[in-house]
Amino acid sequence: MTIRDWVAGKIRTELGYDVRAEGEHGLAVHRGAWPAARVYSPEASDTEPFGPDQLKQAIAELPGLQFIVVVKRRVANETYPLADEQGVAIAGFNALKSALANNVDISRHRSNEQEYVQGRLDGNAQIESWRRRGENAYEVSLTGGRGNITIVTIQRYELTSDDVYELLAQHDNIEVDAIVTTNPNCQGFAPSTLAAVGDAGTRIMRFRDFLDALGEPWT
C-alpha cells in the first residue's frame, strides 16, 4: 500500500468523501457542492526530506495542487517559504482532514497556532512584513529599516536544555534570534534552559514579551 492509498482510504472512511487518483501521487477529493480539492501525497522517507525540488515536481505533476500531505517524512525548512509563494499548503494528515472539512479552498488552511501567530504579526505596528522560514519559523522585518529578526515559535510552556539544542538543530540552516513560546501558562524558564540558549547565542522568551520588545533596540 502506498502512502497515497492510505491517505485516500482514511479520507473515505473518516470523512465520507469520494476520492479519486490523479497522476502518480495526486488525489481529487470530491466534497459535494464544494469544488474538488487536489491533494498530493509523496511517499514516506527516513532519509530524504521533502524539499523545494520535490515541491516543484509536485506542482508540475498535479495541476491545481492545493495541499501536500506529508506522512512519515520530514519537510525541509526551505520548502515552507516556497510553498507559501506558490499558494500550496503543506502539513500532516490531521491538518488535511481539518482543511477538507472546513476550507472551501484547502490551500488556505492554517493551524490554530499559525493563525494566532500570523494574526498577531500582521497586527503589530512595529512589523513591516514577515515571511515563514520553516513550519513555525518566521523572519520578521521591522519598520523604519531596523533590520530583521528570525524566531521559532513553540506551544510548550517549558523546554529543557536538550529540547533547546534539538530545536536549534532542526533549524540549523536558519540563524535563530529567539525561541518564542505562545503558551499563556509560561511563567519563565529554568536556569539550565537559559544557559543553553545563551551558549547557543540566541534567546528564549514569551510571545507577549517578544511583541513588546519589537519597539526597542534588539540585542
N, C-alpha and C. Protein backbone atom coordinates (compact mmCIF):
# COMPACT_ATOMS: atom_id res chain seq x y z
N MET A 1 0.84 -1.19 0.00
CA MET A 1 0.00 0.00 0.00
C MET A 1 0.88 1.25 0.00
N THR A 2 0.61 2.17 -0.89
CA THR A 2 1.34 3.42 -0.93
C THR A 2 0.77 4.39 0.11
N ILE A 3 1.53 5.44 0.37
CA ILE A 3 1.02 6.48 1.26
C ILE A 3 -0.25 7.09 0.67
N ARG A 4 -0.27 7.27 -0.65
CA ARG A 4 -1.49 7.83 -1.26
C ARG A 4 -2.69 6.93 -1.01
N ASP A 5 -2.50 5.62 -1.14
CA ASP A 5 -3.61 4.68 -0.88
C ASP A 5 -4.11 4.82 0.55
N TRP A 6 -3.15 4.95 1.47
CA TRP A 6 -3.52 5.08 2.89
C TRP A 6 -4.30 6.36 3.11
N VAL A 7 -3.82 7.47 2.56
CA VAL A 7 -4.50 8.76 2.72
C VAL A 7 -5.91 8.69 2.13
N ALA A 8 -6.03 8.13 0.92
CA ALA A 8 -7.34 8.04 0.27
C ALA A 8 -8.32 7.22 1.11
N GLY A 9 -7.83 6.09 1.65
CA GLY A 9 -8.70 5.25 2.46
C GLY A 9 -9.16 5.95 3.73
N LYS A 10 -8.26 6.69 4.37
CA LYS A 10 -8.63 7.40 5.59
C LYS A 10 -9.65 8.51 5.30
N ILE A 11 -9.48 9.20 4.18
CA ILE A 11 -10.44 10.25 3.82
C ILE A 11 -11.82 9.65 3.59
N ARG A 12 -11.87 8.52 2.91
CA ARG A 12 -13.16 7.88 2.63
C ARG A 12 -13.84 7.43 3.92
N THR A 13 -13.08 6.77 4.80
CA THR A 13 -13.69 6.19 5.99
C THR A 13 -13.97 7.23 7.08
N GLU A 14 -13.12 8.22 7.22
CA GLU A 14 -13.26 9.17 8.32
C GLU A 14 -14.08 10.40 7.94
N LEU A 15 -14.07 10.78 6.65
CA LEU A 15 -14.82 11.97 6.23
C LEU A 15 -15.96 11.65 5.27
N GLY A 16 -15.93 10.47 4.68
CA GLY A 16 -17.01 10.07 3.80
C GLY A 16 -16.99 10.71 2.43
N TYR A 17 -15.85 11.23 2.00
CA TYR A 17 -15.76 11.89 0.70
C TYR A 17 -15.37 10.90 -0.40
N ASP A 18 -15.77 11.22 -1.61
CA ASP A 18 -15.37 10.45 -2.79
C ASP A 18 -13.95 10.89 -3.18
N VAL A 19 -13.05 9.93 -3.31
CA VAL A 19 -11.65 10.24 -3.60
C VAL A 19 -11.22 9.47 -4.84
N ARG A 20 -10.58 10.18 -5.76
CA ARG A 20 -10.11 9.56 -7.00
C ARG A 20 -8.66 9.91 -7.23
N ALA A 21 -7.91 8.93 -7.74
CA ALA A 21 -6.49 9.13 -8.01
C ALA A 21 -6.31 10.02 -9.23
N GLU A 22 -5.28 10.88 -9.16
CA GLU A 22 -4.89 11.71 -10.30
C GLU A 22 -3.37 11.68 -10.42
N GLY A 23 -2.87 11.20 -11.55
CA GLY A 23 -1.44 11.11 -11.72
C GLY A 23 -0.84 10.05 -10.80
N GLU A 24 0.48 10.17 -10.55
CA GLU A 24 1.17 9.16 -9.77
C GLU A 24 0.98 9.32 -8.28
N HIS A 25 0.86 10.57 -7.80
CA HIS A 25 0.77 10.82 -6.37
C HIS A 25 -0.42 11.68 -5.97
N GLY A 26 -1.26 12.07 -6.92
CA GLY A 26 -2.31 13.02 -6.65
C GLY A 26 -3.65 12.39 -6.31
N LEU A 27 -4.49 13.18 -5.66
CA LEU A 27 -5.86 12.80 -5.33
C LEU A 27 -6.79 13.97 -5.60
N ALA A 28 -7.96 13.67 -6.13
CA ALA A 28 -9.03 14.65 -6.23
C ALA A 28 -10.10 14.24 -5.22
N VAL A 29 -10.38 15.12 -4.29
CA VAL A 29 -11.34 14.83 -3.22
C VAL A 29 -12.62 15.60 -3.51
N HIS A 30 -13.71 14.88 -3.73
CA HIS A 30 -15.00 15.49 -4.10
C HIS A 30 -15.85 15.62 -2.83
N ARG A 31 -16.27 16.87 -2.56
CA ARG A 31 -16.94 17.19 -1.29
C ARG A 31 -18.31 17.83 -1.52
N GLY A 32 -19.12 17.20 -2.33
CA GLY A 32 -20.46 17.71 -2.57
C GLY A 32 -20.46 18.99 -3.36
N ALA A 33 -21.07 20.05 -2.79
CA ALA A 33 -21.20 21.31 -3.51
C ALA A 33 -19.89 22.09 -3.59
N TRP A 34 -18.94 21.76 -2.73
CA TRP A 34 -17.66 22.45 -2.77
C TRP A 34 -16.82 21.97 -3.95
N PRO A 35 -15.90 22.80 -4.42
CA PRO A 35 -15.03 22.36 -5.52
C PRO A 35 -14.18 21.17 -5.09
N ALA A 36 -13.82 20.33 -6.05
CA ALA A 36 -12.93 19.22 -5.77
C ALA A 36 -11.60 19.77 -5.25
N ALA A 37 -11.06 19.14 -4.21
CA ALA A 37 -9.78 19.54 -3.63
C ALA A 37 -8.69 18.64 -4.19
N ARG A 38 -7.56 19.24 -4.54
CA ARG A 38 -6.47 18.47 -5.12
C ARG A 38 -5.31 18.37 -4.14
N VAL A 39 -4.98 17.12 -3.86
CA VAL A 39 -4.03 16.79 -2.80
C VAL A 39 -2.91 15.95 -3.39
N TYR A 40 -1.69 16.24 -2.98
CA TYR A 40 -0.51 15.48 -3.41
C TYR A 40 0.05 14.75 -2.21
N SER A 41 0.35 13.45 -2.39
CA SER A 41 0.79 12.62 -1.28
C SER A 41 2.11 11.93 -1.64
N PRO A 42 3.24 12.52 -1.28
CA PRO A 42 4.53 11.88 -1.59
C PRO A 42 4.74 10.64 -0.73
N GLU A 43 5.65 9.79 -1.18
CA GLU A 43 5.97 8.60 -0.41
C GLU A 43 6.75 8.95 0.85
N ALA A 44 6.70 8.06 1.82
CA ALA A 44 7.45 8.24 3.06
C ALA A 44 8.95 8.06 2.79
N SER A 45 9.76 8.66 3.66
CA SER A 45 11.20 8.50 3.57
C SER A 45 11.84 8.83 4.91
N ASP A 46 12.76 7.97 5.34
CA ASP A 46 13.51 8.23 6.57
C ASP A 46 14.77 9.04 6.30
N THR A 47 15.15 9.15 5.02
CA THR A 47 16.43 9.75 4.69
C THR A 47 16.32 11.03 3.86
N GLU A 48 15.31 11.14 3.02
CA GLU A 48 15.22 12.28 2.12
C GLU A 48 14.07 13.19 2.54
N PRO A 49 14.36 14.39 3.02
CA PRO A 49 13.27 15.31 3.35
C PRO A 49 12.55 15.78 2.10
N PHE A 50 11.32 16.23 2.28
CA PHE A 50 10.56 16.80 1.17
C PHE A 50 11.03 18.24 1.00
N GLY A 51 11.76 18.48 -0.08
CA GLY A 51 12.41 19.76 -0.28
C GLY A 51 11.80 20.58 -1.40
N PRO A 52 12.39 21.73 -1.69
CA PRO A 52 11.87 22.61 -2.75
C PRO A 52 11.79 21.92 -4.11
N ASP A 53 12.78 21.09 -4.46
CA ASP A 53 12.73 20.41 -5.75
C ASP A 53 11.54 19.46 -5.83
N GLN A 54 11.27 18.76 -4.73
CA GLN A 54 10.11 17.86 -4.71
C GLN A 54 8.80 18.65 -4.78
N LEU A 55 8.79 19.82 -4.17
CA LEU A 55 7.60 20.68 -4.25
C LEU A 55 7.35 21.12 -5.68
N LYS A 56 8.40 21.55 -6.37
CA LYS A 56 8.26 21.96 -7.77
C LYS A 56 7.77 20.81 -8.62
N GLN A 57 8.28 19.62 -8.35
CA GLN A 57 7.84 18.44 -9.09
C GLN A 57 6.36 18.16 -8.85
N ALA A 58 5.93 18.30 -7.61
CA ALA A 58 4.52 18.06 -7.27
C ALA A 58 3.61 19.04 -7.99
N ILE A 59 4.01 20.31 -8.03
CA ILE A 59 3.21 21.33 -8.70
C ILE A 59 3.10 21.04 -10.19
N ALA A 60 4.20 20.58 -10.78
CA ALA A 60 4.19 20.26 -12.21
C ALA A 60 3.36 19.02 -12.49
N GLU A 61 3.38 18.07 -11.58
CA GLU A 61 2.69 16.80 -11.79
C GLU A 61 1.18 16.91 -11.63
N LEU A 62 0.73 17.78 -10.69
CA LEU A 62 -0.70 17.84 -10.38
C LEU A 62 -1.21 19.27 -10.57
N PRO A 63 -1.75 19.59 -11.75
CA PRO A 63 -2.31 20.94 -11.96
C PRO A 63 -3.40 21.25 -10.94
N GLY A 64 -3.38 22.47 -10.44
CA GLY A 64 -4.37 22.86 -9.45
C GLY A 64 -4.08 22.38 -8.05
N LEU A 65 -2.85 21.92 -7.80
CA LEU A 65 -2.46 21.42 -6.49
C LEU A 65 -2.73 22.45 -5.40
N GLN A 66 -3.36 21.99 -4.31
CA GLN A 66 -3.69 22.88 -3.19
C GLN A 66 -3.01 22.48 -1.89
N PHE A 67 -2.80 21.18 -1.69
CA PHE A 67 -2.35 20.70 -0.39
C PHE A 67 -1.41 19.51 -0.58
N ILE A 68 -0.26 19.57 0.07
CA ILE A 68 0.65 18.43 0.11
C ILE A 68 0.56 17.82 1.49
N VAL A 69 0.14 16.55 1.56
CA VAL A 69 0.01 15.88 2.85
C VAL A 69 1.24 14.98 3.02
N VAL A 70 2.00 15.25 4.07
CA VAL A 70 3.26 14.56 4.29
C VAL A 70 3.11 13.60 5.47
N VAL A 71 3.36 12.32 5.21
CA VAL A 71 3.23 11.28 6.22
C VAL A 71 4.56 10.54 6.32
N LYS A 72 5.08 10.44 7.53
CA LYS A 72 6.34 9.73 7.80
C LYS A 72 7.48 10.27 6.93
N ARG A 73 7.55 11.58 6.84
CA ARG A 73 8.62 12.21 6.08
C ARG A 73 8.81 13.63 6.60
N ARG A 74 10.06 14.01 6.80
CA ARG A 74 10.37 15.36 7.26
C ARG A 74 10.27 16.34 6.10
N VAL A 75 9.84 17.55 6.39
CA VAL A 75 9.78 18.61 5.39
C VAL A 75 10.95 19.56 5.66
N ALA A 76 11.75 19.84 4.64
CA ALA A 76 12.87 20.76 4.80
C ALA A 76 12.36 22.16 5.10
N ASN A 77 13.05 22.88 5.96
CA ASN A 77 12.62 24.23 6.33
C ASN A 77 12.42 25.12 5.11
N GLU A 78 13.33 25.02 4.14
CA GLU A 78 13.28 25.91 2.98
C GLU A 78 12.11 25.61 2.06
N THR A 79 11.40 24.51 2.30
CA THR A 79 10.22 24.19 1.48
C THR A 79 9.05 25.10 1.82
N TYR A 80 8.93 25.50 3.07
CA TYR A 80 7.76 26.26 3.51
C TYR A 80 7.63 27.64 2.86
N PRO A 81 8.70 28.45 2.79
CA PRO A 81 8.51 29.74 2.10
C PRO A 81 8.16 29.60 0.64
N LEU A 82 8.71 28.58 -0.03
CA LEU A 82 8.36 28.35 -1.43
C LEU A 82 6.90 27.92 -1.55
N ALA A 83 6.44 27.07 -0.64
CA ALA A 83 5.03 26.66 -0.65
C ALA A 83 4.12 27.86 -0.46
N ASP A 84 4.49 28.77 0.45
CA ASP A 84 3.69 29.98 0.65
C ASP A 84 3.65 30.81 -0.63
N GLU A 85 4.80 30.95 -1.29
CA GLU A 85 4.85 31.73 -2.53
C GLU A 85 3.97 31.12 -3.61
N GLN A 86 3.91 29.80 -3.65
CA GLN A 86 3.15 29.10 -4.67
C GLN A 86 1.69 28.88 -4.30
N GLY A 87 1.31 29.28 -3.09
CA GLY A 87 -0.08 29.12 -2.66
C GLY A 87 -0.48 27.69 -2.40
N VAL A 88 0.43 26.91 -1.84
CA VAL A 88 0.18 25.50 -1.55
C VAL A 88 0.37 25.26 -0.06
N ALA A 89 -0.59 24.63 0.60
CA ALA A 89 -0.44 24.25 2.00
C ALA A 89 0.34 22.95 2.09
N ILE A 90 1.13 22.81 3.15
CA ILE A 90 1.88 21.57 3.34
C ILE A 90 1.86 21.23 4.83
N ALA A 91 1.35 20.03 5.14
CA ALA A 91 1.18 19.65 6.55
C ALA A 91 0.87 18.16 6.60
N GLY A 92 0.59 17.66 7.80
CA GLY A 92 0.29 16.26 8.01
C GLY A 92 -1.17 15.91 7.77
N PHE A 93 -1.50 14.66 8.05
CA PHE A 93 -2.85 14.17 7.70
C PHE A 93 -3.94 14.82 8.54
N ASN A 94 -3.72 15.02 9.82
CA ASN A 94 -4.76 15.65 10.64
C ASN A 94 -5.09 17.05 10.15
N ALA A 95 -4.06 17.78 9.72
CA ALA A 95 -4.30 19.11 9.16
C ALA A 95 -5.09 19.01 7.87
N LEU A 96 -4.79 18.00 7.06
CA LEU A 96 -5.56 17.81 5.82
C LEU A 96 -7.03 17.54 6.13
N LYS A 97 -7.30 16.69 7.11
CA LYS A 97 -8.69 16.42 7.49
C LYS A 97 -9.41 17.71 7.88
N SER A 98 -8.76 18.52 8.67
CA SER A 98 -9.37 19.78 9.09
C SER A 98 -9.61 20.69 7.89
N ALA A 99 -8.65 20.75 6.99
CA ALA A 99 -8.79 21.60 5.81
C ALA A 99 -9.94 21.14 4.94
N LEU A 100 -10.06 19.85 4.71
CA LEU A 100 -11.13 19.32 3.87
C LEU A 100 -12.50 19.57 4.48
N ALA A 101 -12.58 19.51 5.80
CA ALA A 101 -13.86 19.68 6.47
C ALA A 101 -14.27 21.14 6.62
N ASN A 102 -13.28 22.06 6.61
CA ASN A 102 -13.58 23.45 6.99
C ASN A 102 -13.23 24.51 5.96
N ASN A 103 -12.44 24.18 4.95
CA ASN A 103 -11.98 25.18 3.99
C ASN A 103 -12.47 24.86 2.59
N VAL A 104 -13.19 25.81 1.98
CA VAL A 104 -13.56 25.63 0.57
C VAL A 104 -12.29 25.50 -0.27
N ASP A 105 -11.34 26.37 -0.03
CA ASP A 105 -10.03 26.30 -0.69
C ASP A 105 -9.03 25.79 0.33
N ILE A 106 -8.65 24.51 0.23
CA ILE A 106 -7.82 23.91 1.28
C ILE A 106 -6.39 24.46 1.27
N SER A 107 -5.99 25.16 0.23
CA SER A 107 -4.65 25.76 0.21
C SER A 107 -4.54 26.87 1.25
N ARG A 108 -5.66 27.38 1.73
CA ARG A 108 -5.66 28.48 2.69
C ARG A 108 -5.66 28.00 4.14
N HIS A 109 -5.61 26.69 4.33
CA HIS A 109 -5.66 26.16 5.69
C HIS A 109 -4.42 26.54 6.48
N ARG A 110 -4.64 26.95 7.73
CA ARG A 110 -3.57 27.19 8.69
C ARG A 110 -3.99 26.57 10.02
N SER A 111 -3.02 26.08 10.76
CA SER A 111 -3.33 25.56 12.09
C SER A 111 -3.76 26.71 13.00
N ASN A 112 -4.42 26.37 14.10
CA ASN A 112 -4.84 27.41 15.05
C ASN A 112 -3.64 28.20 15.56
N GLU A 113 -2.54 27.51 15.79
CA GLU A 113 -1.33 28.17 16.26
C GLU A 113 -0.80 29.15 15.22
N GLN A 114 -0.78 28.73 13.96
CA GLN A 114 -0.30 29.61 12.90
C GLN A 114 -1.23 30.80 12.70
N GLU A 115 -2.52 30.56 12.77
CA GLU A 115 -3.48 31.67 12.66
C GLU A 115 -3.24 32.70 13.76
N TYR A 116 -3.00 32.22 14.96
CA TYR A 116 -2.78 33.13 16.08
C TYR A 116 -1.49 33.93 15.90
N VAL A 117 -0.40 33.23 15.63
CA VAL A 117 0.89 33.91 15.50
C VAL A 117 0.88 34.88 14.33
N GLN A 118 0.41 34.41 13.18
CA GLN A 118 0.42 35.26 12.00
C GLN A 118 -0.50 36.46 12.15
N GLY A 119 -1.63 36.27 12.83
CA GLY A 119 -2.54 37.38 13.06
C GLY A 119 -1.92 38.45 13.95
N ARG A 120 -1.17 38.02 14.98
CA ARG A 120 -0.50 38.97 15.85
C ARG A 120 0.65 39.68 15.13
N LEU A 121 1.34 38.97 14.27
CA LEU A 121 2.41 39.62 13.50
C LEU A 121 1.82 40.64 12.53
N ASP A 122 0.70 40.27 11.88
CA ASP A 122 0.04 41.20 10.95
C ASP A 122 -0.41 42.48 11.65
N GLY A 123 -0.83 42.35 12.89
CA GLY A 123 -1.42 43.48 13.58
C GLY A 123 -0.45 44.33 14.37
N ASN A 124 0.84 44.03 14.30
CA ASN A 124 1.82 44.76 15.11
C ASN A 124 2.39 45.94 14.34
N ALA A 125 2.31 47.13 14.94
CA ALA A 125 2.74 48.36 14.25
C ALA A 125 4.24 48.43 14.04
N GLN A 126 5.01 47.60 14.75
CA GLN A 126 6.46 47.62 14.61
C GLN A 126 6.95 46.72 13.47
N ILE A 127 6.04 45.96 12.85
CA ILE A 127 6.43 44.98 11.85
C ILE A 127 6.04 45.46 10.46
N GLU A 128 7.02 45.56 9.59
CA GLU A 128 6.78 45.94 8.20
C GLU A 128 6.22 44.78 7.40
N SER A 129 6.82 43.60 7.58
CA SER A 129 6.39 42.40 6.87
C SER A 129 7.00 41.19 7.57
N TRP A 130 6.54 40.02 7.19
CA TRP A 130 7.12 38.79 7.71
C TRP A 130 6.99 37.70 6.66
N ARG A 131 7.81 36.69 6.79
CA ARG A 131 7.69 35.51 5.93
C ARG A 131 8.13 34.28 6.72
N ARG A 132 7.57 33.15 6.35
CA ARG A 132 7.94 31.92 7.02
C ARG A 132 9.31 31.44 6.55
N ARG A 133 10.09 30.91 7.48
CA ARG A 133 11.36 30.29 7.16
C ARG A 133 11.35 28.80 7.46
N GLY A 134 10.27 28.32 8.04
CA GLY A 134 10.08 26.92 8.39
C GLY A 134 8.63 26.75 8.78
N GLU A 135 8.27 25.57 9.25
CA GLU A 135 6.87 25.32 9.60
C GLU A 135 6.38 26.35 10.62
N ASN A 136 7.17 26.59 11.66
CA ASN A 136 6.83 27.59 12.67
C ASN A 136 8.00 28.54 12.92
N ALA A 137 8.72 28.84 11.87
CA ALA A 137 9.82 29.80 11.93
C ALA A 137 9.47 31.00 11.07
N TYR A 138 9.75 32.20 11.59
CA TYR A 138 9.35 33.42 10.90
C TYR A 138 10.50 34.42 10.88
N GLU A 139 10.69 35.04 9.73
CA GLU A 139 11.60 36.17 9.61
C GLU A 139 10.76 37.44 9.61
N VAL A 140 10.97 38.29 10.60
CA VAL A 140 10.18 39.49 10.80
C VAL A 140 11.02 40.69 10.41
N SER A 141 10.49 41.52 9.50
CA SER A 141 11.17 42.75 9.10
C SER A 141 10.54 43.92 9.85
N LEU A 142 11.38 44.66 10.59
CA LEU A 142 10.89 45.76 11.41
C LEU A 142 10.74 47.04 10.60
N THR A 143 9.85 47.89 11.04
CA THR A 143 9.61 49.16 10.35
C THR A 143 10.83 50.07 10.49
N GLY A 144 10.90 51.05 9.59
CA GLY A 144 11.96 52.03 9.67
C GLY A 144 13.34 51.50 9.35
N GLY A 145 13.40 50.38 8.62
CA GLY A 145 14.70 49.82 8.25
C GLY A 145 15.53 49.34 9.43
N ARG A 146 14.85 48.87 10.48
CA ARG A 146 15.57 48.47 11.70
C ARG A 146 16.04 47.03 11.67
N GLY A 147 15.96 46.40 10.50
CA GLY A 147 16.50 45.06 10.37
C GLY A 147 15.48 43.96 10.51
N ASN A 148 15.97 42.72 10.53
CA ASN A 148 15.13 41.54 10.57
C ASN A 148 15.43 40.73 11.83
N ILE A 149 14.40 40.05 12.31
CA ILE A 149 14.53 39.14 13.45
C ILE A 149 13.90 37.81 13.03
N THR A 150 14.61 36.72 13.30
CA THR A 150 14.09 35.40 12.97
C THR A 150 13.78 34.64 14.26
N ILE A 151 12.56 34.14 14.35
CA ILE A 151 12.11 33.43 15.55
C ILE A 151 11.59 32.05 15.17
N VAL A 152 11.61 31.17 16.15
CA VAL A 152 10.92 29.88 16.05
C VAL A 152 9.91 29.84 17.18
N THR A 153 8.64 29.64 16.84
CA THR A 153 7.60 29.61 17.87
C THR A 153 7.32 28.18 18.30
N ILE A 154 6.98 28.03 19.57
CA ILE A 154 6.63 26.74 20.15
C ILE A 154 5.37 26.91 20.98
N GLN A 155 4.67 25.81 21.20
CA GLN A 155 3.46 25.87 22.02
C GLN A 155 3.70 25.42 23.46
N ARG A 156 4.82 24.75 23.70
CA ARG A 156 5.11 24.27 25.05
C ARG A 156 5.44 25.44 25.99
N TYR A 157 5.14 25.28 27.26
CA TYR A 157 5.41 26.36 28.21
C TYR A 157 6.77 26.21 28.87
N GLU A 158 7.44 25.07 28.61
CA GLU A 158 8.79 24.91 29.14
C GLU A 158 9.60 24.03 28.20
N LEU A 159 10.90 24.26 28.18
CA LEU A 159 11.84 23.46 27.40
C LEU A 159 13.02 23.11 28.29
N THR A 160 13.54 21.91 28.13
CA THR A 160 14.78 21.55 28.79
C THR A 160 15.95 22.03 27.93
N SER A 161 17.14 21.97 28.47
CA SER A 161 18.31 22.35 27.67
C SER A 161 18.45 21.43 26.46
N ASP A 162 18.15 20.14 26.62
CA ASP A 162 18.22 19.21 25.48
C ASP A 162 17.19 19.59 24.41
N ASP A 163 16.00 20.02 24.86
CA ASP A 163 14.97 20.46 23.91
C ASP A 163 15.47 21.65 23.09
N VAL A 164 16.17 22.57 23.75
CA VAL A 164 16.70 23.75 23.06
C VAL A 164 17.66 23.33 21.96
N TYR A 165 18.62 22.47 22.32
CA TYR A 165 19.62 22.05 21.33
C TYR A 165 18.96 21.29 20.17
N GLU A 166 17.96 20.46 20.48
CA GLU A 166 17.27 19.72 19.42
C GLU A 166 16.51 20.66 18.50
N LEU A 167 15.83 21.65 19.08
CA LEU A 167 15.06 22.60 18.28
C LEU A 167 15.98 23.40 17.37
N LEU A 168 17.10 23.85 17.89
CA LEU A 168 18.03 24.62 17.07
C LEU A 168 18.67 23.74 15.99
N ALA A 169 18.91 22.46 16.30
CA ALA A 169 19.45 21.55 15.29
C ALA A 169 18.46 21.36 14.14
N GLN A 170 17.18 21.36 14.47
CA GLN A 170 16.15 21.24 13.43
C GLN A 170 16.11 22.46 12.53
N HIS A 171 16.68 23.57 12.99
CA HIS A 171 16.69 24.81 12.22
C HIS A 171 18.13 25.27 11.98
N ASP A 172 19.00 24.30 11.67
CA ASP A 172 20.42 24.63 11.55
C ASP A 172 20.74 25.46 10.32
N ASN A 173 19.79 25.60 9.40
CA ASN A 173 20.02 26.45 8.23
C ASN A 173 19.51 27.87 8.44
N ILE A 174 19.06 28.16 9.66
CA ILE A 174 18.49 29.47 9.99
C ILE A 174 19.23 30.04 11.19
N GLU A 175 19.56 31.31 11.16
CA GLU A 175 20.13 31.97 12.33
C GLU A 175 18.97 32.44 13.21
N VAL A 176 18.70 31.68 14.26
CA VAL A 176 17.55 31.93 15.12
C VAL A 176 17.90 32.98 16.17
N ASP A 177 17.18 34.09 16.14
CA ASP A 177 17.41 35.15 17.12
C ASP A 177 16.69 34.87 18.44
N ALA A 178 15.57 34.17 18.36
CA ALA A 178 14.83 33.89 19.60
C ALA A 178 13.91 32.69 19.41
N ILE A 179 13.80 31.89 20.46
CA ILE A 179 12.76 30.87 20.58
C ILE A 179 11.63 31.50 21.37
N VAL A 180 10.42 31.44 20.84
CA VAL A 180 9.30 32.18 21.43
C VAL A 180 8.15 31.22 21.73
N THR A 181 7.75 31.14 22.98
CA THR A 181 6.62 30.29 23.34
C THR A 181 5.33 31.10 23.33
N THR A 182 4.30 30.53 22.75
CA THR A 182 2.99 31.17 22.71
C THR A 182 2.08 30.66 23.82
N ASN A 183 2.58 29.77 24.64
CA ASN A 183 1.75 29.19 25.69
C ASN A 183 1.52 30.20 26.81
N PRO A 184 0.26 30.55 27.10
CA PRO A 184 -0.01 31.57 28.13
C PRO A 184 0.33 31.11 29.54
N ASN A 185 0.55 29.80 29.73
CA ASN A 185 0.88 29.29 31.06
C ASN A 185 2.35 29.43 31.40
N CYS A 186 3.15 29.87 30.44
CA CYS A 186 4.57 30.01 30.70
C CYS A 186 4.82 31.19 31.65
N GLN A 187 5.50 30.91 32.74
CA GLN A 187 5.84 31.95 33.70
C GLN A 187 7.33 32.27 33.73
N GLY A 188 8.10 31.54 32.99
CA GLY A 188 9.54 31.75 32.98
C GLY A 188 10.24 30.48 32.54
N PHE A 189 11.58 30.49 32.61
CA PHE A 189 12.36 29.38 32.11
C PHE A 189 13.41 28.96 33.13
N ALA A 190 13.72 27.67 33.12
CA ALA A 190 14.69 27.12 34.06
C ALA A 190 16.09 27.68 33.79
N PRO A 191 16.92 27.80 34.83
CA PRO A 191 18.28 28.30 34.63
C PRO A 191 19.06 27.49 33.59
N SER A 192 18.88 26.16 33.57
CA SER A 192 19.60 25.34 32.60
C SER A 192 19.16 25.64 31.17
N THR A 193 17.88 25.98 31.00
CA THR A 193 17.38 26.35 29.67
C THR A 193 17.95 27.69 29.24
N LEU A 194 17.97 28.64 30.15
CA LEU A 194 18.53 29.96 29.84
C LEU A 194 20.01 29.85 29.52
N ALA A 195 20.71 28.96 30.22
CA ALA A 195 22.13 28.76 29.94
C ALA A 195 22.33 28.16 28.55
N ALA A 196 21.45 27.23 28.19
CA ALA A 196 21.56 26.58 26.88
C ALA A 196 21.35 27.57 25.75
N VAL A 197 20.33 28.41 25.84
CA VAL A 197 20.09 29.38 24.76
C VAL A 197 21.21 30.42 24.73
N GLY A 198 21.74 30.76 25.91
CA GLY A 198 22.85 31.69 25.93
C GLY A 198 24.08 31.12 25.26
N ASP A 199 24.37 29.84 25.54
CA ASP A 199 25.51 29.18 24.91
C ASP A 199 25.34 29.11 23.40
N ALA A 200 24.07 28.98 22.96
CA ALA A 200 23.79 28.89 21.52
C ALA A 200 23.74 30.24 20.84
N GLY A 201 23.85 31.31 21.62
CA GLY A 201 23.83 32.66 21.05
C GLY A 201 22.46 33.14 20.63
N THR A 202 21.43 32.63 21.29
CA THR A 202 20.07 33.07 20.96
C THR A 202 19.35 33.44 22.25
N ARG A 203 18.03 33.61 22.19
CA ARG A 203 17.23 33.99 23.35
C ARG A 203 16.00 33.10 23.40
N ILE A 204 15.35 33.08 24.57
CA ILE A 204 14.06 32.41 24.71
C ILE A 204 13.15 33.35 25.48
N MET A 205 11.90 33.46 25.03
CA MET A 205 11.01 34.45 25.64
C MET A 205 9.55 34.08 25.36
N ARG A 206 8.68 34.71 26.12
CA ARG A 206 7.24 34.55 25.88
C ARG A 206 6.82 35.43 24.70
N PHE A 207 5.74 35.03 24.04
CA PHE A 207 5.32 35.73 22.83
C PHE A 207 4.97 37.18 23.13
N ARG A 208 4.26 37.42 24.22
CA ARG A 208 3.89 38.80 24.54
C ARG A 208 5.13 39.65 24.82
N ASP A 209 6.15 39.04 25.43
CA ASP A 209 7.39 39.79 25.69
C ASP A 209 8.12 40.07 24.38
N PHE A 210 8.07 39.12 23.47
CA PHE A 210 8.69 39.34 22.16
C PHE A 210 8.03 40.51 21.44
N LEU A 211 6.70 40.52 21.42
CA LEU A 211 6.00 41.62 20.73
C LEU A 211 6.28 42.96 21.40
N ASP A 212 6.35 42.97 22.74
CA ASP A 212 6.64 44.21 23.45
C ASP A 212 8.05 44.73 23.12
N ALA A 213 8.97 43.80 22.89
CA ALA A 213 10.37 44.17 22.67
C ALA A 213 10.63 44.71 21.27
N LEU A 214 9.66 44.58 20.38
CA LEU A 214 9.90 44.99 18.99
C LEU A 214 10.08 46.50 18.85
N GLY A 215 9.57 47.28 19.79
CA GLY A 215 9.72 48.72 19.72
C GLY A 215 11.03 49.22 20.29
N GLU A 216 11.84 48.28 20.84
CA GLU A 216 13.11 48.65 21.44
C GLU A 216 14.26 48.10 20.60
N PRO A 217 15.47 48.62 20.79
CA PRO A 217 16.63 48.06 20.07
C PRO A 217 16.77 46.58 20.39
N TRP A 218 16.95 45.74 19.38
CA TRP A 218 17.03 44.30 19.57
C TRP A 218 18.48 43.93 19.89
N THR A 219 18.69 43.37 21.05
CA THR A 219 20.04 42.98 21.45
C THR A 219 20.05 41.53 21.88
